[in-house]
């Protein structure tokens, strides 16, 4: 028996998965996929789901043309740590250098949804009493 879940799995879906696998069943998480997605979009979604938030941040900076030293400075770490992250990203995506990484990322729109999610998360949230007038 096997279960496949993605990083974004809800707690309810995870519990469902564990229960079914414990009963000897196979369980695969359903994902909502709009019908207008292209194969490139699907590849991008699969790759993006394999990358951590920090890896996505580093990829975004690579696409913007930042060097390892600049990325390290911006993220408050060392250049060697960034090189280690990049090696992991290259392995996960199947590219061999930063140019291939940037081209693959742009072609498969890996950062589009991640950027939208980041923008939504950075919007100021109304505090208590917001919208209440006296």
C-alpha atoms as a PDB file:
ATOM      1  CA  UNK A   1       0.000   0.000   0.000  1.00  0.00           C
ATOM      2  CA  UNK A   2       1.191   3.482  -0.901  1.00  0.00           C
ATOM      3  CA  UNK A   3       0.134   7.074  -0.473  1.00  0.00           C
ATOM      4  CA  UNK A   4       1.191  10.113  -2.464  1.00  0.00           C
ATOM      5  CA  UNK A   5       0.644  13.585  -1.042  1.00  0.00           C
ATOM      6  CA  UNK A   6       2.003  16.986  -1.960  1.00  0.00           C
ATOM      7  CA  UNK A   7       3.574  19.530   0.327  1.00  0.00           C
ATOM      8  CA  UNK A   8       0.414  21.637   0.292  1.00  0.00           C
ATOM      9  CA  UNK A   9      -1.770  18.787   1.597  1.00  0.00           C
ATOM     10  CA  UNK A  10      -4.480  19.730   4.085  1.00  0.00           C
ATOM     11  CA  UNK A  11      -4.519  18.030   7.464  1.00  0.00           C
ATOM     12  CA  UNK A  12      -7.839  16.350   6.605  1.00  0.00           C
ATOM     13  CA  UNK A  13      -6.410  14.920   3.369  1.00  0.00           C
ATOM     14  CA  UNK A  14      -3.291  13.704   5.198  1.00  0.00           C
ATOM     15  CA  UNK A  15      -5.432  11.900   7.789  1.00  0.00           C
ATOM     16  CA  UNK A  16      -7.486  10.357   4.968  1.00  0.00           C
ATOM     17  CA  UNK A  17      -4.285   9.195   3.281  1.00  0.00           C
ATOM     18  CA  UNK A  18      -2.886   7.613   6.450  1.00  0.00           C
ATOM     19  CA  UNK A  19      -6.160   5.782   7.142  1.00  0.00           C
ATOM     20  CA  UNK A  20      -6.432   4.377   3.612  1.00  0.00           C
ATOM     21  CA  UNK A  21      -2.789   3.297   3.495  1.00  0.00           C
ATOM     22  CA  UNK A  22      -3.202   1.636   6.914  1.00  0.00           C
ATOM     23  CA  UNK A  23      -6.106  -0.370   5.411  1.00  0.00           C
ATOM     24  CA  UNK A  24      -3.827  -1.486   2.581  1.00  0.00           C
ATOM     25  CA  UNK A  25      -5.280   0.846  -0.034  1.00  0.00           C
ATOM     26  CA  UNK A  26      -3.416   3.139  -2.414  1.00  0.00           C
ATOM     27  CA  UNK A  27      -4.121   6.852  -2.069  1.00  0.00           C
ATOM     28  CA  UNK A  28      -3.092   9.719  -4.344  1.00  0.00           C
ATOM     29  CA  UNK A  29      -3.890  13.329  -3.503  1.00  0.00           C
ATOM     30  CA  UNK A  30      -6.309  14.994  -5.897  1.00  0.00           C
ATOM     31  CA  UNK A  31      -5.100  18.302  -7.223  1.00  0.00           C
ATOM     32  CA  UNK A  32      -7.327  20.842  -8.888  1.00  0.00           C
ATOM     33  CA  UNK A  33      -5.883  21.554 -12.314  1.00  0.00           C
ATOM     34  CA  UNK A  34      -7.570  24.130 -14.533  1.00  0.00           C
ATOM     35  CA  UNK A  35      -8.191  22.676 -17.998  1.00  0.00           C
ATOM     36  CA  UNK A  36      -6.467  25.600 -19.698  1.00  0.00           C
ATOM     37  CA  UNK A  37      -3.059  24.644 -18.267  1.00  0.00           C
ATOM     38  CA  UNK A  38      -0.496  23.710 -20.900  1.00  0.00           C
ATOM     39  CA  UNK A  39       2.063  20.921 -20.585  1.00  0.00           C
ATOM     40  CA  UNK A  40       4.676  23.600 -19.797  1.00  0.00           C
ATOM     41  CA  UNK A  41       2.483  24.835 -16.945  1.00  0.00           C
ATOM     42  CA  UNK A  42       2.093  21.282 -15.636  1.00  0.00           C
ATOM     43  CA  UNK A  43       5.861  20.731 -15.690  1.00  0.00           C
ATOM     44  CA  UNK A  44       6.279  24.043 -13.891  1.00  0.00           C
ATOM     45  CA  UNK A  45       3.743  23.069 -11.214  1.00  0.00           C
ATOM     46  CA  UNK A  46       5.429  19.718 -10.612  1.00  0.00           C
ATOM     47  CA  UNK A  47       8.876  21.306 -10.336  1.00  0.00           C
ATOM     48  CA  UNK A  48       7.662  24.158  -8.136  1.00  0.00           C
ATOM     49  CA  UNK A  49       6.081  21.683  -5.723  1.00  0.00           C
ATOM     50  CA  UNK A  50       9.478  20.011  -5.300  1.00  0.00           C
ATOM     51  CA  UNK A  51      11.274  23.245  -4.355  1.00  0.00           C
ATOM     52  CA  UNK A  52      11.320  24.764  -0.885  1.00  0.00           C
ATOM     53  CA  UNK A  53      10.354  28.396  -0.288  1.00  0.00           C
ATOM     54  CA  UNK A  54      14.025  29.319   0.138  1.00  0.00           C
ATOM     55  CA  UNK A  55      14.977  27.523  -3.083  1.00  0.00           C
ATOM     56  CA  UNK A  56      12.218  29.390  -4.937  1.00  0.00           C
ATOM     57  CA  UNK A  57      13.509  32.690  -3.516  1.00  0.00           C
ATOM     58  CA  UNK A  58      17.037  31.866  -4.716  1.00  0.00           C
ATOM     59  CA  UNK A  59      15.726  30.844  -8.162  1.00  0.00           C
ATOM     60  CA  UNK A  60      13.814  34.142  -8.389  1.00  0.00           C
ATOM     61  CA  UNK A  61      16.994  36.082  -7.624  1.00  0.00           C
ATOM     62  CA  UNK A  62      18.952  34.049 -10.204  1.00  0.00           C
ATOM     63  CA  UNK A  63      16.311  34.865 -12.839  1.00  0.00           C
ATOM     64  CA  UNK A  64      16.675  38.552 -11.913  1.00  0.00           C
ATOM     65  CA  UNK A  65      20.422  38.317 -12.617  1.00  0.00           C
ATOM     66  CA  UNK A  66      21.816  38.322  -9.082  1.00  0.00           C
ATOM     67  CA  UNK A  67      25.197  36.681  -8.446  1.00  0.00           C
ATOM     68  CA  UNK A  68      25.707  34.136  -5.648  1.00  0.00           C
ATOM     69  CA  UNK A  69      27.500  36.685  -3.463  1.00  0.00           C
ATOM     70  CA  UNK A  70      24.625  39.180  -3.842  1.00  0.00           C
ATOM     71  CA  UNK A  71      22.043  36.488  -3.074  1.00  0.00           C
ATOM     72  CA  UNK A  72      23.983  35.426   0.018  1.00  0.00           C
ATOM     73  CA  UNK A  73      24.122  39.019   1.214  1.00  0.00           C
ATOM     74  CA  UNK A  74      20.403  39.523   0.632  1.00  0.00           C
ATOM     75  CA  UNK A  75      19.474  36.303   2.441  1.00  0.00           C
ATOM     76  CA  UNK A  76      21.954  36.792   5.274  1.00  0.00           C
ATOM     77  CA  UNK A  77      24.033  33.694   4.588  1.00  0.00           C
ATOM     78  CA  UNK A  78      27.302  32.713   2.917  1.00  0.00           C
ATOM     79  CA  UNK A  79      28.082  32.289  -0.750  1.00  0.00           C
ATOM     80  CA  UNK A  80      28.919  28.608  -0.128  1.00  0.00           C
ATOM     81  CA  UNK A  81      25.440  27.996   1.320  1.00  0.00           C
ATOM     82  CA  UNK A  82      23.901  29.521  -1.817  1.00  0.00           C
ATOM     83  CA  UNK A  83      26.090  27.268  -3.995  1.00  0.00           C
ATOM     84  CA  UNK A  84      24.866  24.246  -2.005  1.00  0.00           C
ATOM     85  CA  UNK A  85      21.238  25.306  -2.481  1.00  0.00           C
ATOM     86  CA  UNK A  86      21.815  25.788  -6.206  1.00  0.00           C
ATOM     87  CA  UNK A  87      23.360  22.329  -6.567  1.00  0.00           C
ATOM     88  CA  UNK A  88      20.239  20.864  -4.942  1.00  0.00           C
ATOM     89  CA  UNK A  89      17.967  22.937  -7.208  1.00  0.00           C
ATOM     90  CA  UNK A  90      19.922  21.882 -10.324  1.00  0.00           C
ATOM     91  CA  UNK A  91      19.513  18.231  -9.298  1.00  0.00           C
ATOM     92  CA  UNK A  92      15.782  18.600  -8.578  1.00  0.00           C
ATOM     93  CA  UNK A  93      15.087  20.352 -11.887  1.00  0.00           C
ATOM     94  CA  UNK A  94      17.605  18.511 -14.060  1.00  0.00           C
ATOM     95  CA  UNK A  95      19.649  21.478 -15.272  1.00  0.00           C
ATOM     96  CA  UNK A  96      23.406  21.988 -15.114  1.00  0.00           C
ATOM     97  CA  UNK A  97      23.946  25.728 -14.693  1.00  0.00           C
ATOM     98  CA  UNK A  98      22.277  29.021 -13.781  1.00  0.00           C
ATOM     99  CA  UNK A  99      21.495  29.936 -17.402  1.00  0.00           C
ATOM    100  CA  UNK A 100      19.640  26.652 -17.951  1.00  0.00           C
ATOM    101  CA  UNK A 101      17.913  27.203 -14.596  1.00  0.00           C
ATOM    102  CA  UNK A 102      16.770  30.704 -15.576  1.00  0.00           C
ATOM    103  CA  UNK A 103      15.568  29.606 -19.028  1.00  0.00           C
ATOM    104  CA  UNK A 104      13.756  26.545 -17.646  1.00  0.00           C
ATOM    105  CA  UNK A 105      12.139  28.643 -14.912  1.00  0.00           C
ATOM    106  CA  UNK A 106      10.890  31.268 -17.359  1.00  0.00           C
ATOM    107  CA  UNK A 107       9.768  28.731 -19.988  1.00  0.00           C
ATOM    108  CA  UNK A 108       7.780  26.663 -17.481  1.00  0.00           C
ATOM    109  CA  UNK A 109       6.479  29.697 -15.554  1.00  0.00           C
ATOM    110  CA  UNK A 110       7.665  28.257 -12.245  1.00  0.00           C
ATOM    111  CA  UNK A 111       7.722  31.605 -10.485  1.00  0.00           C
ATOM    112  CA  UNK A 112       4.373  32.979 -11.730  1.00  0.00           C
ATOM    113  CA  UNK A 113       2.134  31.350  -9.128  1.00  0.00           C
ATOM    114  CA  UNK A 114       4.797  31.596  -6.418  1.00  0.00           C
ATOM    115  CA  UNK A 115       5.024  35.352  -7.024  1.00  0.00           C
ATOM    116  CA  UNK A 116       1.249  35.715  -6.874  1.00  0.00           C
ATOM    117  CA  UNK A 117       1.115  33.774  -3.602  1.00  0.00           C
ATOM    118  CA  UNK A 118       3.917  35.898  -2.139  1.00  0.00           C
ATOM    119  CA  UNK A 119       2.194  39.119  -3.199  1.00  0.00           C
ATOM    120  CA  UNK A 120      -1.088  38.009  -1.643  1.00  0.00           C
ATOM    121  CA  UNK A 121       0.659  37.042   1.592  1.00  0.00           C
ATOM    122  CA  UNK A 122       2.423  40.407   1.810  1.00  0.00           C
ATOM    123  CA  UNK A 123      -0.800  42.429   1.541  1.00  0.00           C
ATOM    124  CA  UNK A 124      -1.557  44.203   4.813  1.00  0.00           C
ATOM    125  CA  UNK A 125      -4.305  42.469   6.732  1.00  0.00           C
ATOM    126  CA  UNK A 126      -6.983  44.592   8.386  1.00  0.00           C
ATOM    127  CA  UNK A 127      -6.551  44.794  12.134  1.00  0.00           C
ATOM    128  CA  UNK A 128      -9.215  44.462  14.787  1.00  0.00           C
ATOM    129  CA  UNK A 129     -12.012  46.923  14.275  1.00  0.00           C
ATOM    130  CA  UNK A 130     -11.093  47.543  10.635  1.00  0.00           C
ATOM    131  CA  UNK A 131     -14.013  48.956   8.740  1.00  0.00           C
ATOM    132  CA  UNK A 132     -15.778  49.992  11.934  1.00  0.00           C
ATOM    133  CA  UNK A 133     -16.711  53.646  11.986  1.00  0.00           C
ATOM    134  CA  UNK A 134     -18.042  55.625  14.862  1.00  0.00           C
END
